[in-house]
Amino acid sequence: MTQTAINYAEVLYELSVPEESIEKTEQIVQQVPQVGAALSSPVIALSAKEKIIDRIFPAEMRNYLKVLCKYQKADRMEEIFEAYREYKRRQNQILKATLWYVTLPREEQTEKIRSFLQKKFHCREVAFELKQKKDLIGGFLLQAGNQEYDWSLAGRFRQLEQKLIRR
């Protein structure tokens, strides 16, 4: 993620634009790639881009999008939206964590993991992304922040193999 995208994302957050307007804008850009291509094109005049923006996008996002076009940053919209979500999570003390599993953990297991992460990262809430990964054999793999916790059988086998090799 570029610093430019992060800066524009922070500005978007500080503008206090309603979440629905941001989501609608992102949805339009994703579902109709021609719109993003038109706004990013150096061949299309700024006045034409502004007309497109006024016709298609929510009113709360129009001025922001016009500034993106004026400074030729419209090609980074998806990256800006990703940086916006990350910045919003940080501001609200929400940690994003990915949990790879073989069998879906029970609610009590998920709560224990959530509690562990809240203490470790001093956050208010944890947003889990759950992904099944059969090659772990058993257990789970947890990635949060810049840290990874491997409590899988495959990981334990690798650790054991490394210990045996070092002897």
N, C-alpha and C. Protein backbone atom coordinates (compact mmCIF):
# COMPACT_ATOMS: atom_id res chain seq x y z
N MET A 1 0.84 -1.17 0.00
CA MET A 1 0.00 0.00 0.00
C MET A 1 0.89 1.24 0.00
N THR A 2 0.61 2.16 -0.89
CA THR A 2 1.45 3.35 -1.01
C THR A 2 1.07 4.40 0.03
N GLN A 3 2.01 5.27 0.31
CA GLN A 3 1.75 6.35 1.25
C GLN A 3 0.68 7.29 0.71
N THR A 4 0.65 7.46 -0.60
CA THR A 4 -0.37 8.31 -1.21
C THR A 4 -1.77 7.77 -0.91
N ALA A 5 -1.95 6.47 -1.08
CA ALA A 5 -3.25 5.85 -0.80
C ALA A 5 -3.62 6.00 0.68
N ILE A 6 -2.64 5.83 1.54
CA ILE A 6 -2.88 5.98 2.98
C ILE A 6 -3.30 7.41 3.31
N ASN A 7 -2.62 8.39 2.71
CA ASN A 7 -2.96 9.79 2.96
C ASN A 7 -4.38 10.12 2.50
N TYR A 8 -4.73 9.68 1.30
CA TYR A 8 -6.07 9.93 0.79
C TYR A 8 -7.12 9.19 1.62
N ALA A 9 -6.79 8.02 2.12
CA ALA A 9 -7.71 7.25 2.96
C ALA A 9 -7.96 7.98 4.28
N GLU A 10 -6.92 8.53 4.87
CA GLU A 10 -7.06 9.27 6.12
C GLU A 10 -7.93 10.51 5.93
N VAL A 11 -7.76 11.19 4.80
CA VAL A 11 -8.59 12.36 4.50
C VAL A 11 -10.05 11.93 4.36
N LEU A 12 -10.28 10.83 3.67
CA LEU A 12 -11.65 10.32 3.50
C LEU A 12 -12.28 10.01 4.86
N TYR A 13 -11.50 9.42 5.74
CA TYR A 13 -12.01 9.10 7.08
C TYR A 13 -12.34 10.39 7.84
N GLU A 14 -11.46 11.38 7.77
CA GLU A 14 -11.65 12.63 8.50
C GLU A 14 -12.82 13.45 7.95
N LEU A 15 -13.21 13.21 6.71
CA LEU A 15 -14.35 13.92 6.13
C LEU A 15 -15.68 13.46 6.72
N SER A 16 -15.66 12.34 7.43
CA SER A 16 -16.87 11.77 8.05
C SER A 16 -17.99 11.53 7.04
N VAL A 17 -17.62 11.01 5.89
CA VAL A 17 -18.60 10.65 4.86
C VAL A 17 -19.36 9.42 5.37
N PRO A 18 -20.67 9.38 5.20
CA PRO A 18 -21.42 8.19 5.64
C PRO A 18 -20.89 6.90 5.01
N GLU A 19 -20.83 5.87 5.82
CA GLU A 19 -20.28 4.57 5.39
C GLU A 19 -21.01 4.04 4.15
N GLU A 20 -22.32 4.25 4.08
CA GLU A 20 -23.11 3.76 2.94
C GLU A 20 -22.64 4.40 1.64
N SER A 21 -22.29 5.67 1.67
CA SER A 21 -21.83 6.37 0.47
C SER A 21 -20.49 5.84 0.01
N ILE A 22 -19.61 5.56 0.95
CA ILE A 22 -18.30 5.00 0.60
C ILE A 22 -18.47 3.61 0.01
N GLU A 23 -19.31 2.79 0.64
CA GLU A 23 -19.55 1.44 0.13
C GLU A 23 -20.18 1.47 -1.26
N LYS A 24 -21.14 2.37 -1.47
CA LYS A 24 -21.80 2.50 -2.77
C LYS A 24 -20.79 2.90 -3.83
N THR A 25 -19.91 3.83 -3.50
CA THR A 25 -18.87 4.28 -4.43
C THR A 25 -17.94 3.13 -4.79
N GLU A 26 -17.50 2.40 -3.78
CA GLU A 26 -16.61 1.26 -4.03
C GLU A 26 -17.31 0.20 -4.87
N GLN A 27 -18.56 -0.02 -4.60
CA GLN A 27 -19.34 -1.01 -5.34
C GLN A 27 -19.45 -0.61 -6.82
N ILE A 28 -19.70 0.65 -7.09
CA ILE A 28 -19.79 1.13 -8.47
C ILE A 28 -18.47 0.92 -9.20
N VAL A 29 -17.37 1.28 -8.55
CA VAL A 29 -16.05 1.15 -9.16
C VAL A 29 -15.71 -0.31 -9.45
N GLN A 30 -16.10 -1.21 -8.54
CA GLN A 30 -15.80 -2.63 -8.73
C GLN A 30 -16.70 -3.27 -9.78
N GLN A 31 -17.98 -2.94 -9.77
CA GLN A 31 -18.92 -3.59 -10.67
C GLN A 31 -18.90 -3.04 -12.09
N VAL A 32 -18.46 -1.80 -12.25
CA VAL A 32 -18.40 -1.19 -13.58
C VAL A 32 -16.98 -0.66 -13.79
N PRO A 33 -16.07 -1.54 -14.21
CA PRO A 33 -14.67 -1.12 -14.36
C PRO A 33 -14.46 0.02 -15.36
N GLN A 34 -15.40 0.18 -16.29
CA GLN A 34 -15.28 1.26 -17.28
C GLN A 34 -15.33 2.63 -16.62
N VAL A 35 -16.07 2.74 -15.52
CA VAL A 35 -16.16 4.01 -14.80
C VAL A 35 -14.79 4.37 -14.21
N GLY A 36 -14.17 3.41 -13.55
CA GLY A 36 -12.84 3.64 -12.99
C GLY A 36 -11.83 3.96 -14.08
N ALA A 37 -11.94 3.26 -15.21
CA ALA A 37 -11.02 3.51 -16.33
C ALA A 37 -11.23 4.91 -16.90
N ALA A 38 -12.47 5.35 -16.99
CA ALA A 38 -12.75 6.70 -17.50
C ALA A 38 -12.22 7.77 -16.56
N LEU A 39 -12.39 7.57 -15.25
CA LEU A 39 -11.92 8.56 -14.28
C LEU A 39 -10.39 8.59 -14.20
N SER A 40 -9.76 7.48 -14.55
CA SER A 40 -8.30 7.39 -14.49
C SER A 40 -7.63 7.84 -15.78
N SER A 41 -8.38 7.90 -16.85
CA SER A 41 -7.81 8.17 -18.17
C SER A 41 -7.29 9.61 -18.29
N PRO A 42 -6.04 9.75 -18.72
CA PRO A 42 -5.50 11.11 -18.93
C PRO A 42 -6.06 11.76 -20.20
N VAL A 43 -6.69 10.98 -21.05
CA VAL A 43 -7.23 11.49 -22.31
C VAL A 43 -8.56 12.22 -22.09
N ILE A 44 -9.32 11.79 -21.10
CA ILE A 44 -10.63 12.39 -20.84
C ILE A 44 -10.44 13.67 -20.02
N ALA A 45 -11.11 14.72 -20.45
CA ALA A 45 -11.00 16.03 -19.79
C ALA A 45 -11.58 15.98 -18.38
N LEU A 46 -11.04 16.81 -17.51
CA LEU A 46 -11.50 16.87 -16.13
C LEU A 46 -12.98 17.23 -16.06
N SER A 47 -13.43 18.12 -16.92
CA SER A 47 -14.85 18.53 -16.92
C SER A 47 -15.76 17.34 -17.25
N ALA A 48 -15.33 16.48 -18.15
CA ALA A 48 -16.12 15.28 -18.49
C ALA A 48 -16.13 14.30 -17.32
N LYS A 49 -15.01 14.18 -16.63
CA LYS A 49 -14.94 13.30 -15.46
C LYS A 49 -15.87 13.81 -14.36
N GLU A 50 -15.91 15.12 -14.18
CA GLU A 50 -16.78 15.70 -13.16
C GLU A 50 -18.25 15.45 -13.48
N LYS A 51 -18.61 15.47 -14.76
CA LYS A 51 -20.00 15.17 -15.16
C LYS A 51 -20.33 13.72 -14.85
N ILE A 52 -19.40 12.82 -15.11
CA ILE A 52 -19.60 11.40 -14.79
C ILE A 52 -19.82 11.24 -13.29
N ILE A 53 -18.97 11.89 -12.52
CA ILE A 53 -19.07 11.80 -11.06
C ILE A 53 -20.42 12.32 -10.57
N ASP A 54 -20.86 13.46 -11.10
CA ASP A 54 -22.14 14.05 -10.68
C ASP A 54 -23.33 13.15 -11.03
N ARG A 55 -23.23 12.41 -12.10
CA ARG A 55 -24.34 11.56 -12.53
C ARG A 55 -24.42 10.23 -11.77
N ILE A 56 -23.27 9.68 -11.41
CA ILE A 56 -23.23 8.29 -10.94
C ILE A 56 -23.08 8.15 -9.43
N PHE A 57 -22.25 8.94 -8.82
CA PHE A 57 -21.84 8.69 -7.44
C PHE A 57 -22.70 9.43 -6.42
N PRO A 58 -22.72 8.92 -5.17
CA PRO A 58 -23.46 9.58 -4.10
C PRO A 58 -22.94 11.01 -3.88
N ALA A 59 -23.85 11.90 -3.51
CA ALA A 59 -23.52 13.32 -3.36
C ALA A 59 -22.38 13.55 -2.36
N GLU A 60 -22.34 12.76 -1.28
CA GLU A 60 -21.31 12.95 -0.25
C GLU A 60 -19.89 12.62 -0.75
N MET A 61 -19.81 11.86 -1.82
CA MET A 61 -18.49 11.45 -2.33
C MET A 61 -18.02 12.27 -3.53
N ARG A 62 -18.87 13.08 -4.08
CA ARG A 62 -18.55 13.75 -5.35
C ARG A 62 -17.33 14.67 -5.27
N ASN A 63 -17.28 15.55 -4.28
CA ASN A 63 -16.14 16.46 -4.18
C ASN A 63 -14.83 15.70 -3.97
N TYR A 64 -14.89 14.67 -3.15
CA TYR A 64 -13.69 13.87 -2.90
C TYR A 64 -13.20 13.22 -4.21
N LEU A 65 -14.12 12.64 -4.97
CA LEU A 65 -13.74 12.00 -6.23
C LEU A 65 -13.22 13.01 -7.25
N LYS A 66 -13.78 14.20 -7.24
CA LYS A 66 -13.29 15.25 -8.15
C LYS A 66 -11.85 15.65 -7.82
N VAL A 67 -11.54 15.68 -6.54
CA VAL A 67 -10.16 15.97 -6.13
C VAL A 67 -9.24 14.84 -6.58
N LEU A 68 -9.68 13.60 -6.43
CA LEU A 68 -8.87 12.46 -6.92
C LEU A 68 -8.58 12.61 -8.41
N CYS A 69 -9.60 12.98 -9.17
CA CYS A 69 -9.41 13.14 -10.61
C CYS A 69 -8.50 14.33 -10.93
N LYS A 70 -8.70 15.43 -10.21
CA LYS A 70 -7.90 16.63 -10.44
C LYS A 70 -6.40 16.34 -10.26
N TYR A 71 -6.08 15.55 -9.24
CA TYR A 71 -4.67 15.24 -8.97
C TYR A 71 -4.24 13.89 -9.55
N GLN A 72 -5.05 13.35 -10.44
CA GLN A 72 -4.77 12.12 -11.18
C GLN A 72 -4.45 10.93 -10.26
N LYS A 73 -5.31 10.74 -9.25
CA LYS A 73 -5.16 9.63 -8.32
C LYS A 73 -6.34 8.66 -8.40
N ALA A 74 -7.22 8.85 -9.36
CA ALA A 74 -8.41 7.99 -9.48
C ALA A 74 -8.03 6.54 -9.77
N ASP A 75 -6.87 6.32 -10.35
CA ASP A 75 -6.45 4.94 -10.63
C ASP A 75 -6.10 4.18 -9.34
N ARG A 76 -6.02 4.87 -8.22
CA ARG A 76 -5.69 4.23 -6.94
C ARG A 76 -6.90 4.07 -6.02
N MET A 77 -8.09 4.19 -6.57
CA MET A 77 -9.29 4.15 -5.73
C MET A 77 -9.42 2.87 -4.93
N GLU A 78 -9.19 1.73 -5.54
CA GLU A 78 -9.32 0.46 -4.81
C GLU A 78 -8.31 0.40 -3.66
N GLU A 79 -7.10 0.84 -3.92
CA GLU A 79 -6.07 0.87 -2.89
C GLU A 79 -6.44 1.86 -1.78
N ILE A 80 -7.03 2.97 -2.16
CA ILE A 80 -7.47 3.97 -1.17
C ILE A 80 -8.57 3.40 -0.30
N PHE A 81 -9.53 2.69 -0.90
CA PHE A 81 -10.62 2.10 -0.12
C PHE A 81 -10.09 1.04 0.84
N GLU A 82 -9.11 0.26 0.41
CA GLU A 82 -8.49 -0.74 1.30
C GLU A 82 -7.78 -0.04 2.46
N ALA A 83 -7.03 1.01 2.15
CA ALA A 83 -6.34 1.77 3.20
C ALA A 83 -7.34 2.44 4.13
N TYR A 84 -8.47 2.88 3.61
CA TYR A 84 -9.52 3.49 4.42
C TYR A 84 -10.06 2.49 5.44
N ARG A 85 -10.35 1.27 4.98
CA ARG A 85 -10.86 0.25 5.90
C ARG A 85 -9.84 -0.07 6.99
N GLU A 86 -8.57 -0.15 6.62
CA GLU A 86 -7.52 -0.43 7.60
C GLU A 86 -7.39 0.72 8.60
N TYR A 87 -7.41 1.94 8.11
CA TYR A 87 -7.30 3.11 8.98
C TYR A 87 -8.51 3.19 9.93
N LYS A 88 -9.68 2.92 9.42
CA LYS A 88 -10.90 2.94 10.23
C LYS A 88 -10.82 1.89 11.34
N ARG A 89 -10.31 0.69 11.00
CA ARG A 89 -10.15 -0.35 12.03
C ARG A 89 -9.19 0.11 13.12
N ARG A 90 -8.08 0.71 12.72
CA ARG A 90 -7.10 1.20 13.70
C ARG A 90 -7.70 2.28 14.59
N GLN A 91 -8.44 3.22 14.01
CA GLN A 91 -9.05 4.29 14.77
C GLN A 91 -10.06 3.75 15.78
N ASN A 92 -10.74 2.68 15.42
CA ASN A 92 -11.74 2.08 16.30
C ASN A 92 -11.18 0.94 17.14
N GLN A 93 -9.85 0.77 17.12
CA GLN A 93 -9.15 -0.27 17.88
C GLN A 93 -9.69 -1.66 17.56
N ILE A 94 -9.83 -1.93 16.26
CA ILE A 94 -10.28 -3.24 15.80
C ILE A 94 -9.11 -3.90 15.08
N LEU A 95 -8.74 -5.08 15.55
CA LEU A 95 -7.64 -5.83 14.96
C LEU A 95 -8.19 -6.79 13.92
N LYS A 96 -7.57 -6.82 12.76
CA LYS A 96 -7.94 -7.79 11.73
C LYS A 96 -7.05 -9.01 11.89
N ALA A 97 -7.67 -10.18 12.00
CA ALA A 97 -6.93 -11.42 12.17
C ALA A 97 -7.46 -12.47 11.21
N THR A 98 -6.56 -13.29 10.70
CA THR A 98 -6.95 -14.39 9.82
C THR A 98 -6.69 -15.69 10.55
N LEU A 99 -7.69 -16.54 10.57
CA LEU A 99 -7.61 -17.83 11.25
C LEU A 99 -7.82 -18.93 10.22
N TRP A 100 -6.76 -19.67 9.94
CA TRP A 100 -6.85 -20.84 9.05
C TRP A 100 -7.11 -22.05 9.92
N TYR A 101 -8.00 -22.91 9.49
CA TYR A 101 -8.40 -24.06 10.29
C TYR A 101 -8.66 -25.26 9.40
N VAL A 102 -8.67 -26.46 10.03
CA VAL A 102 -9.07 -27.68 9.33
C VAL A 102 -10.57 -27.89 9.59
N THR A 103 -10.94 -27.86 10.86
CA THR A 103 -12.35 -27.91 11.22
C THR A 103 -12.70 -26.60 11.91
N LEU A 104 -13.85 -26.08 11.60
CA LEU A 104 -14.29 -24.79 12.14
C LEU A 104 -14.25 -24.80 13.66
N PRO A 105 -13.57 -23.83 14.28
CA PRO A 105 -13.49 -23.82 15.75
C PRO A 105 -14.86 -23.54 16.38
N ARG A 106 -15.04 -24.09 17.56
CA ARG A 106 -16.26 -23.83 18.31
C ARG A 106 -16.27 -22.38 18.79
N GLU A 107 -17.42 -21.90 19.16
CA GLU A 107 -17.57 -20.51 19.61
C GLU A 107 -16.68 -20.21 20.81
N GLU A 108 -16.59 -21.16 21.75
CA GLU A 108 -15.76 -20.94 22.94
C GLU A 108 -14.28 -20.85 22.58
N GLN A 109 -13.84 -21.63 21.58
CA GLN A 109 -12.45 -21.55 21.12
C GLN A 109 -12.18 -20.19 20.48
N THR A 110 -13.11 -19.75 19.66
CA THR A 110 -12.97 -18.45 19.00
C THR A 110 -12.91 -17.34 20.04
N GLU A 111 -13.71 -17.44 21.08
CA GLU A 111 -13.71 -16.42 22.13
C GLU A 111 -12.38 -16.39 22.89
N LYS A 112 -11.79 -17.57 23.14
CA LYS A 112 -10.49 -17.62 23.80
C LYS A 112 -9.40 -16.99 22.93
N ILE A 113 -9.46 -17.26 21.63
CA ILE A 113 -8.49 -16.67 20.71
C ILE A 113 -8.69 -15.16 20.66
N ARG A 114 -9.95 -14.72 20.63
CA ARG A 114 -10.26 -13.28 20.62
C ARG A 114 -9.71 -12.61 21.89
N SER A 115 -9.92 -13.24 23.03
CA SER A 115 -9.43 -12.70 24.29
C SER A 115 -7.91 -12.60 24.30
N PHE A 116 -7.24 -13.64 23.81
CA PHE A 116 -5.78 -13.65 23.71
C PHE A 116 -5.29 -12.48 22.85
N LEU A 117 -5.92 -12.29 21.69
CA LEU A 117 -5.51 -11.22 20.78
C LEU A 117 -5.78 -9.84 21.36
N GLN A 118 -6.90 -9.69 22.05
CA GLN A 118 -7.21 -8.39 22.65
C GLN A 118 -6.17 -8.01 23.70
N LYS A 119 -5.73 -8.98 24.48
CA LYS A 119 -4.70 -8.70 25.49
C LYS A 119 -3.35 -8.43 24.83
N LYS A 120 -3.01 -9.24 23.85
CA LYS A 120 -1.71 -9.15 23.19
C LYS A 120 -1.56 -7.83 22.41
N PHE A 121 -2.61 -7.42 21.70
CA PHE A 121 -2.52 -6.25 20.82
C PHE A 121 -3.22 -5.01 21.39
N HIS A 122 -3.74 -5.12 22.62
CA HIS A 122 -4.39 -3.99 23.29
C HIS A 122 -5.46 -3.36 22.38
N CYS A 123 -6.36 -4.19 21.90
CA CYS A 123 -7.42 -3.70 21.03
C CYS A 123 -8.78 -3.95 21.68
N ARG A 124 -9.77 -3.23 21.18
CA ARG A 124 -11.12 -3.33 21.71
C ARG A 124 -11.87 -4.51 21.13
N GLU A 125 -11.64 -4.79 19.84
CA GLU A 125 -12.38 -5.84 19.13
C GLU A 125 -11.45 -6.53 18.13
N VAL A 126 -11.81 -7.74 17.75
CA VAL A 126 -11.06 -8.51 16.76
C VAL A 126 -12.02 -8.89 15.65
N ALA A 127 -11.64 -8.59 14.42
CA ALA A 127 -12.43 -8.98 13.25
C ALA A 127 -11.74 -10.19 12.62
N PHE A 128 -12.39 -11.33 12.70
CA PHE A 128 -11.81 -12.56 12.18
C PHE A 128 -12.17 -12.77 10.72
N GLU A 129 -11.20 -13.24 9.97
CA GLU A 129 -11.42 -13.77 8.63
C GLU A 129 -11.11 -15.25 8.75
N LEU A 130 -12.11 -16.09 8.57
CA LEU A 130 -11.94 -17.53 8.74
C LEU A 130 -11.74 -18.19 7.38
N LYS A 131 -10.70 -19.03 7.29
CA LYS A 131 -10.40 -19.73 6.04
C LYS A 131 -10.06 -21.17 6.34
N GLN A 132 -10.65 -22.06 5.58
CA GLN A 132 -10.35 -23.48 5.76
C GLN A 132 -9.07 -23.83 4.99
N LYS A 133 -8.22 -24.64 5.63
CA LYS A 133 -6.95 -25.04 5.02
C LYS A 133 -6.66 -26.48 5.47
N LYS A 134 -6.99 -27.42 4.61
CA LYS A 134 -6.91 -28.85 4.96
C LYS A 134 -5.47 -29.32 5.22
N ASP A 135 -4.47 -28.71 4.58
CA ASP A 135 -3.11 -29.21 4.72
C ASP A 135 -2.48 -28.89 6.09
N LEU A 136 -3.21 -28.26 6.98
CA LEU A 136 -2.72 -28.06 8.35
C LEU A 136 -2.79 -29.36 9.16
N ILE A 137 -3.53 -30.33 8.67
CA ILE A 137 -3.75 -31.65 9.28
C ILE A 137 -4.67 -31.54 10.49
N GLY A 138 -4.39 -30.63 11.38
CA GLY A 138 -5.20 -30.40 12.58
C GLY A 138 -4.76 -29.10 13.20
N GLY A 139 -5.53 -28.60 14.16
CA GLY A 139 -5.18 -27.35 14.81
C GLY A 139 -5.52 -26.15 13.94
N PHE A 140 -4.76 -25.06 14.13
CA PHE A 140 -5.04 -23.86 13.35
C PHE A 140 -3.80 -22.99 13.25
N LEU A 141 -3.88 -22.03 12.35
CA LEU A 141 -2.82 -21.06 12.11
C LEU A 141 -3.47 -19.69 12.22
N LEU A 142 -2.89 -18.81 13.02
CA LEU A 142 -3.46 -17.50 13.30
C LEU A 142 -2.48 -16.43 12.87
N GLN A 143 -2.96 -15.46 12.08
CA GLN A 143 -2.12 -14.34 11.67
C GLN A 143 -2.83 -13.07 12.09
N ALA A 144 -2.14 -12.23 12.88
CA ALA A 144 -2.69 -10.96 13.35
C ALA A 144 -1.56 -9.95 13.43
N GLY A 145 -1.82 -8.76 12.92
CA GLY A 145 -0.76 -7.76 12.88
C GLY A 145 0.38 -8.30 12.03
N ASN A 146 1.58 -8.22 12.56
CA ASN A 146 2.75 -8.76 11.85
C ASN A 146 3.20 -10.08 12.45
N GLN A 147 2.34 -10.72 13.21
CA GLN A 147 2.73 -11.95 13.90
C GLN A 147 1.89 -13.12 13.42
N GLU A 148 2.51 -14.29 13.50
CA GLU A 148 1.84 -15.52 13.10
C GLU A 148 2.02 -16.53 14.22
N TYR A 149 0.93 -17.18 14.57
CA TYR A 149 0.94 -18.22 15.61
C TYR A 149 0.52 -19.52 14.96
N ASP A 150 1.40 -20.49 14.98
CA ASP A 150 1.14 -21.76 14.31
C ASP A 150 0.88 -22.84 15.35
N TRP A 151 -0.38 -23.17 15.53
CA TRP A 151 -0.78 -24.24 16.44
C TRP A 151 -1.37 -25.40 15.63
N SER A 152 -0.78 -25.65 14.48
CA SER A 152 -1.27 -26.73 13.62
C SER A 152 -0.37 -27.95 13.77
N LEU A 153 -0.90 -29.09 13.41
CA LEU A 153 -0.09 -30.32 13.45
C LEU A 153 1.02 -30.24 12.42
N ALA A 154 0.73 -29.70 11.25
CA ALA A 154 1.75 -29.56 10.22
C ALA A 154 2.90 -28.68 10.73
N GLY A 155 2.57 -27.61 11.45
CA GLY A 155 3.60 -26.74 12.03
C GLY A 155 4.41 -27.45 13.09
N ARG A 156 3.75 -28.24 13.91
CA ARG A 156 4.46 -29.01 14.95
C ARG A 156 5.40 -30.03 14.31
N PHE A 157 4.96 -30.66 13.23
CA PHE A 157 5.83 -31.61 12.53
C PHE A 157 7.07 -30.91 11.98
N ARG A 158 6.89 -29.71 11.43
CA ARG A 158 8.04 -28.94 10.91
C ARG A 158 9.01 -28.58 12.03
N GLN A 159 8.47 -28.17 13.18
CA GLN A 159 9.32 -27.83 14.33
C GLN A 159 10.12 -29.04 14.80
N LEU A 160 9.46 -30.18 14.88
CA LEU A 160 10.12 -31.41 15.29
C LEU A 160 11.21 -31.79 14.29
N GLU A 161 10.90 -31.68 13.02
CA GLU A 161 11.86 -32.00 11.97
C GLU A 161 13.09 -31.09 12.07
N GLN A 162 12.88 -29.80 12.33
CA GLN A 162 13.99 -28.86 12.46
C GLN A 162 14.87 -29.19 13.67
N LYS A 163 14.24 -29.59 14.77
CA LYS A 163 15.01 -29.96 15.96
C LYS A 163 15.85 -31.19 15.69
N LEU A 164 15.29 -32.17 14.99
CA LEU A 164 16.03 -33.39 14.68
C LEU A 164 17.18 -33.13 13.72
N ILE A 165 16.98 -32.24 12.79
CA ILE A 165 18.02 -31.93 11.81
C ILE A 165 19.19 -31.21 12.48
N ARG A 166 18.93 -30.35 13.45
CA ARG A 166 19.97 -29.57 14.11
C ARG A 166 20.89 -30.42 14.97
N ARG A 167 20.44 -31.61 15.38
CA ARG A 167 21.25 -32.44 16.28
C ARG A 167 22.40 -33.05 15.58
